[in-house]
C-alpha atoms as a PDB file:
ATOM      1  CA  MET A   1     -61.356 151.860  11.640  1.00  0.00           C
ATOM      2  CA  ALA A   2     -61.582 148.187  10.758  1.00  0.00           C
ATOM      3  CA  ASP A   3     -61.261 149.042   7.059  1.00  0.00           C
ATOM      4  CA  LEU A   4     -58.035 150.946   7.692  1.00  0.00           C
ATOM      5  CA  TYR A   5     -56.627 148.068   9.757  1.00  0.00           C
ATOM      6  CA  PHE A   6     -57.440 145.622   6.959  1.00  0.00           C
ATOM      7  CA  HIS A   7     -55.866 147.854   4.282  1.00  0.00           C
ATOM      8  CA  VAL A   8     -52.700 148.389   6.301  1.00  0.00           C
ATOM      9  CA  TRP A   9     -52.324 144.657   6.856  1.00  0.00           C
ATOM     10  CA  VAL A  10     -52.954 143.829   3.192  1.00  0.00           C
ATOM     11  CA  THR A  11     -50.499 146.507   2.048  1.00  0.00           C
ATOM     12  CA  VAL A  12     -47.712 145.374   4.377  1.00  0.00           C
ATOM     13  CA  THR A  13     -48.073 141.684   3.542  1.00  0.00           C
ATOM     14  CA  SER A  14     -48.474 142.293  -0.186  1.00  0.00           C
ATOM     15  CA  LEU A  15     -45.414 144.522  -0.421  1.00  0.00           C
ATOM     16  CA  THR A  16     -43.365 142.043   1.604  1.00  0.00           C
ATOM     17  CA  ILE A  17     -44.334 139.173  -0.681  1.00  0.00           C
ATOM     18  CA  ILE A  18     -43.663 141.220  -3.828  1.00  0.00           C
ATOM     19  CA  VAL A  19     -40.210 142.286  -2.607  1.00  0.00           C
ATOM     20  CA  LEU A  20     -39.245 138.738  -1.608  1.00  0.00           C
ATOM     21  CA  VAL A  21     -40.421 137.203  -4.881  1.00  0.00           C
ATOM     22  CA  ALA A  22     -38.658 139.899  -6.920  1.00  0.00           C
ATOM     23  CA  ALA A  23     -35.455 139.407  -4.889  1.00  0.00           C
ATOM     24  CA  TYR A  24     -35.594 135.653  -5.436  1.00  0.00           C
ATOM     25  CA  ILE A  25     -36.104 136.005  -9.193  1.00  0.00           C
ATOM     26  CA  ILE A  26     -33.283 138.545  -9.551  1.00  0.00           C
ATOM     27  CA  TYR A  27     -30.952 136.463  -7.377  1.00  0.00           C
ATOM     28  CA  ASP A  28     -31.785 133.324  -9.343  1.00  0.00           C
ATOM     29  CA  ARG A  29     -31.119 135.009 -12.703  1.00  0.00           C
ATOM     30  CA  PHE A  30     -27.713 136.263 -11.558  1.00  0.00           C
ATOM     31  CA  ALA A  31     -26.839 132.901  -9.986  1.00  0.00           C
ATOM     32  CA  ILE A  32     -27.626 131.103 -13.254  1.00  0.00           C
ATOM     33  CA  ARG A  33     -25.488 133.594 -15.154  1.00  0.00           C
ATOM     34  CA  TYR A  34     -22.583 133.135 -12.729  1.00  0.00           C
ATOM     35  CA  GLU A  35     -22.855 129.337 -12.843  1.00  0.00           C
ATOM     36  CA  ALA A  36     -22.062 129.517 -16.562  1.00  0.00           C
ATOM     37  CA  LEU A  37     -18.626 131.022 -15.864  1.00  0.00           C
ATOM     38  CA  THR A  38     -15.726 128.701 -16.525  1.00  0.00           C
ATOM     39  CA  ASP A  39     -13.203 130.168 -14.085  1.00  0.00           C
ATOM     40  CA  GLU A  40     -13.990 128.603 -10.699  1.00  0.00           C
ATOM     41  CA  ASN A  41     -12.365 131.410  -8.685  1.00  0.00           C
ATOM     42  CA  GLU A  42     -14.282 134.101 -10.569  1.00  0.00           C
ATOM     43  CA  LYS A  43     -17.522 132.139 -10.201  1.00  0.00           C
ATOM     44  CA  GLU A  44     -17.050 131.816  -6.425  1.00  0.00           C
ATOM     45  CA  ALA A  45     -16.097 135.478  -6.030  1.00  0.00           C
ATOM     46  CA  LYS A  46     -19.133 136.668  -7.977  1.00  0.00           C
ATOM     47  CA  MET A  47     -21.494 134.379  -6.040  1.00  0.00           C
ATOM     48  CA  GLN A  48     -20.134 135.600  -2.703  1.00  0.00           C
ATOM     49  CA  SER A  49     -20.483 139.199  -3.867  1.00  0.00           C
ATOM     50  CA  LEU A  50     -24.055 138.530  -5.013  1.00  0.00           C
ATOM     51  CA  LYS A  51     -24.933 136.953  -1.655  1.00  0.00           C
ATOM     52  CA  SER A  52     -23.532 139.897   0.298  1.00  0.00           C
ATOM     53  CA  LYS A  53     -25.361 142.434  -1.894  1.00  0.00           C
ATOM     54  CA  VAL A  54     -28.675 140.589  -1.565  1.00  0.00           C
ATOM     55  CA  MET A  55     -28.269 140.318   2.208  1.00  0.00           C
ATOM     56  CA  THR A  56     -27.450 144.016   2.486  1.00  0.00           C
ATOM     57  CA  ILE A  57     -30.334 145.165   0.277  1.00  0.00           C
ATOM     58  CA  LEU A  58     -32.955 142.899   1.869  1.00  0.00           C
ATOM     59  CA  GLY A  59     -31.678 143.766   5.338  1.00  0.00           C
ATOM     60  CA  GLY A  60     -31.905 147.474   4.577  1.00  0.00           C
ATOM     61  CA  LEU A  61     -35.414 147.100   3.198  1.00  0.00           C
ATOM     62  CA  ALA A  62     -36.499 145.126   6.262  1.00  0.00           C
ATOM     63  CA  VAL A  63     -35.073 147.763   8.628  1.00  0.00           C
ATOM     64  CA  ILE A  64     -36.787 150.569   6.705  1.00  0.00           C
ATOM     65  CA  GLY A  65     -40.055 148.626   6.386  1.00  0.00           C
ATOM     66  CA  GLY A  66     -40.141 147.536  10.026  1.00  0.00           C
ATOM     67  CA  SER A  67     -39.276 151.024  11.253  1.00  0.00           C
ATOM     68  CA  TYR A  68     -41.917 152.682   9.108  1.00  0.00           C
ATOM     69  CA  TRP A  69     -44.498 150.063  10.076  1.00  0.00           C
ATOM     70  CA  LEU A  70     -43.764 150.704  13.762  1.00  0.00           C
ATOM     71  CA  TYR A  71     -43.929 154.475  13.215  1.00  0.00           C
ATOM     72  CA  TYR A  72     -47.249 154.143  11.407  1.00  0.00           C
ATOM     73  CA  ILE A  73     -48.765 152.003  14.161  1.00  0.00           C
ATOM     74  CA  GLN A  74     -47.674 154.516  16.793  1.00  0.00           C
ATOM     75  CA  THR A  75     -48.966 157.595  14.922  1.00  0.00           C
ATOM     76  CA  HIS A  76     -52.264 156.336  13.459  1.00  0.00           C
ATOM     77  CA  GLU A  77     -55.309 154.916  15.181  1.00  0.00           C
ATOM     78  CA  ILE A  78     -56.253 151.930  13.034  1.00  0.00           C
ATOM     79  CA  TYR A  79     -58.213 149.830  15.514  1.00  0.00           C
ATOM     80  CA  ILE A  80     -61.904 149.560  16.217  1.00  0.00           C
ATOM     81  CA  THR A  81     -61.314 150.030  19.959  1.00  0.00           C
ATOM     82  CA  LYS A  82     -58.305 150.876  22.110  1.00  0.00           C
ATOM     83  CA  SER A  83     -58.744 147.562  23.919  1.00  0.00           C
ATOM     84  CA  LEU A  84     -57.447 145.773  20.823  1.00  0.00           C
ATOM     85  CA  ARG A  85     -54.049 147.491  21.123  1.00  0.00           C
ATOM     86  CA  GLY A  86     -51.272 145.541  22.752  1.00  0.00           C
ATOM     87  CA  ALA A  87     -47.740 144.204  22.507  1.00  0.00           C
ATOM     88  CA  HIS A  88     -48.837 141.990  19.614  1.00  0.00           C
ATOM     89  CA  ASP A  89     -49.172 145.181  17.530  1.00  0.00           C
ATOM     90  CA  ILE A  90     -45.578 146.298  17.837  1.00  0.00           C
ATOM     91  CA  ALA A  91     -43.889 142.881  17.997  1.00  0.00           C
ATOM     92  CA  PRO A  92     -43.990 142.071  14.227  1.00  0.00           C
ATOM     93  CA  PRO A  93     -42.409 145.340  13.030  1.00  0.00           C
ATOM     94  CA  ILE A  94     -39.762 145.183  15.757  1.00  0.00           C
ATOM     95  CA  ILE A  95     -38.907 141.584  14.843  1.00  0.00           C
ATOM     96  CA  MET A  96     -38.841 142.504  11.143  1.00  0.00           C
ATOM     97  CA  ALA A  97     -36.518 145.453  11.803  1.00  0.00           C
ATOM     98  CA  LEU A  98     -34.225 143.359  14.033  1.00  0.00           C
ATOM     99  CA  ILE A  99     -33.948 140.581  11.452  1.00  0.00           C
ATOM    100  CA  GLY A 100     -33.266 143.244   8.827  1.00  0.00           C
ATOM    101  CA  LEU A 101     -30.578 144.818  11.018  1.00  0.00           C
ATOM    102  CA  ILE A 102     -28.885 141.442  11.468  1.00  0.00           C
ATOM    103  CA  LEU A 103     -28.992 140.807   7.695  1.00  0.00           C
ATOM    104  CA  LEU A 104     -27.717 144.323   6.995  1.00  0.00           C
ATOM    105  CA  ILE A 105     -24.776 143.936   9.377  1.00  0.00           C
ATOM    106  CA  LEU A 106     -23.903 140.444   8.096  1.00  0.00           C
ATOM    107  CA  GLY A 107     -24.171 141.599   4.464  1.00  0.00           C
ATOM    108  CA  ILE A 108     -21.895 144.585   5.047  1.00  0.00           C
ATOM    109  CA  LYS A 109     -19.450 142.425   7.020  1.00  0.00           C
ATOM    110  CA  LYS A 110     -19.383 139.853   4.225  1.00  0.00           C
ATOM    111  CA  HIS A 111     -18.930 142.594   1.607  1.00  0.00           C
ATOM    112  CA  VAL A 112     -15.999 144.104   3.540  1.00  0.00           C
ATOM    113  CA  THR A 113     -14.438 140.644   3.946  1.00  0.00           C
ATOM    114  CA  ILE A 114     -14.767 139.958   0.216  1.00  0.00           C
ATOM    115  CA  ASN A 115     -13.187 143.296  -0.668  1.00  0.00           C
ATOM    116  CA  LYS A 116     -10.248 142.614   1.718  1.00  0.00           C
ATOM    117  CA  HIS A 117      -9.562 139.247   0.067  1.00  0.00           C
ATOM    118  CA  SER A 118      -9.791 140.648  -3.469  1.00  0.00           C
ATOM    119  CA  SER A 119      -7.337 143.490  -2.730  1.00  0.00           C
END
């Protein structure tokens, strides 16, 4: 069981790091492109739209990832002994999903606000 625990942990952390690095690189590329715009209003509108989209996407991924992680922990026995199970097992995926939910809600709220102002 220890091998499975190790592989689950490595997979979760590796995927999280890959997603965050990819999101940063994509965000940075778009931000550089938008900074080159000459119209200040268009630049600000595009940056706000980019921020809301990134928040929504990362929030959604965190909710999905945290939920699946919690589901996996509850349905698979990955520990050497049952005595190693505890609240510390379910706390990280719950926190990840809650942070993702907050980001998702704020991103959608920001997106709706931007669309109201542009109409």
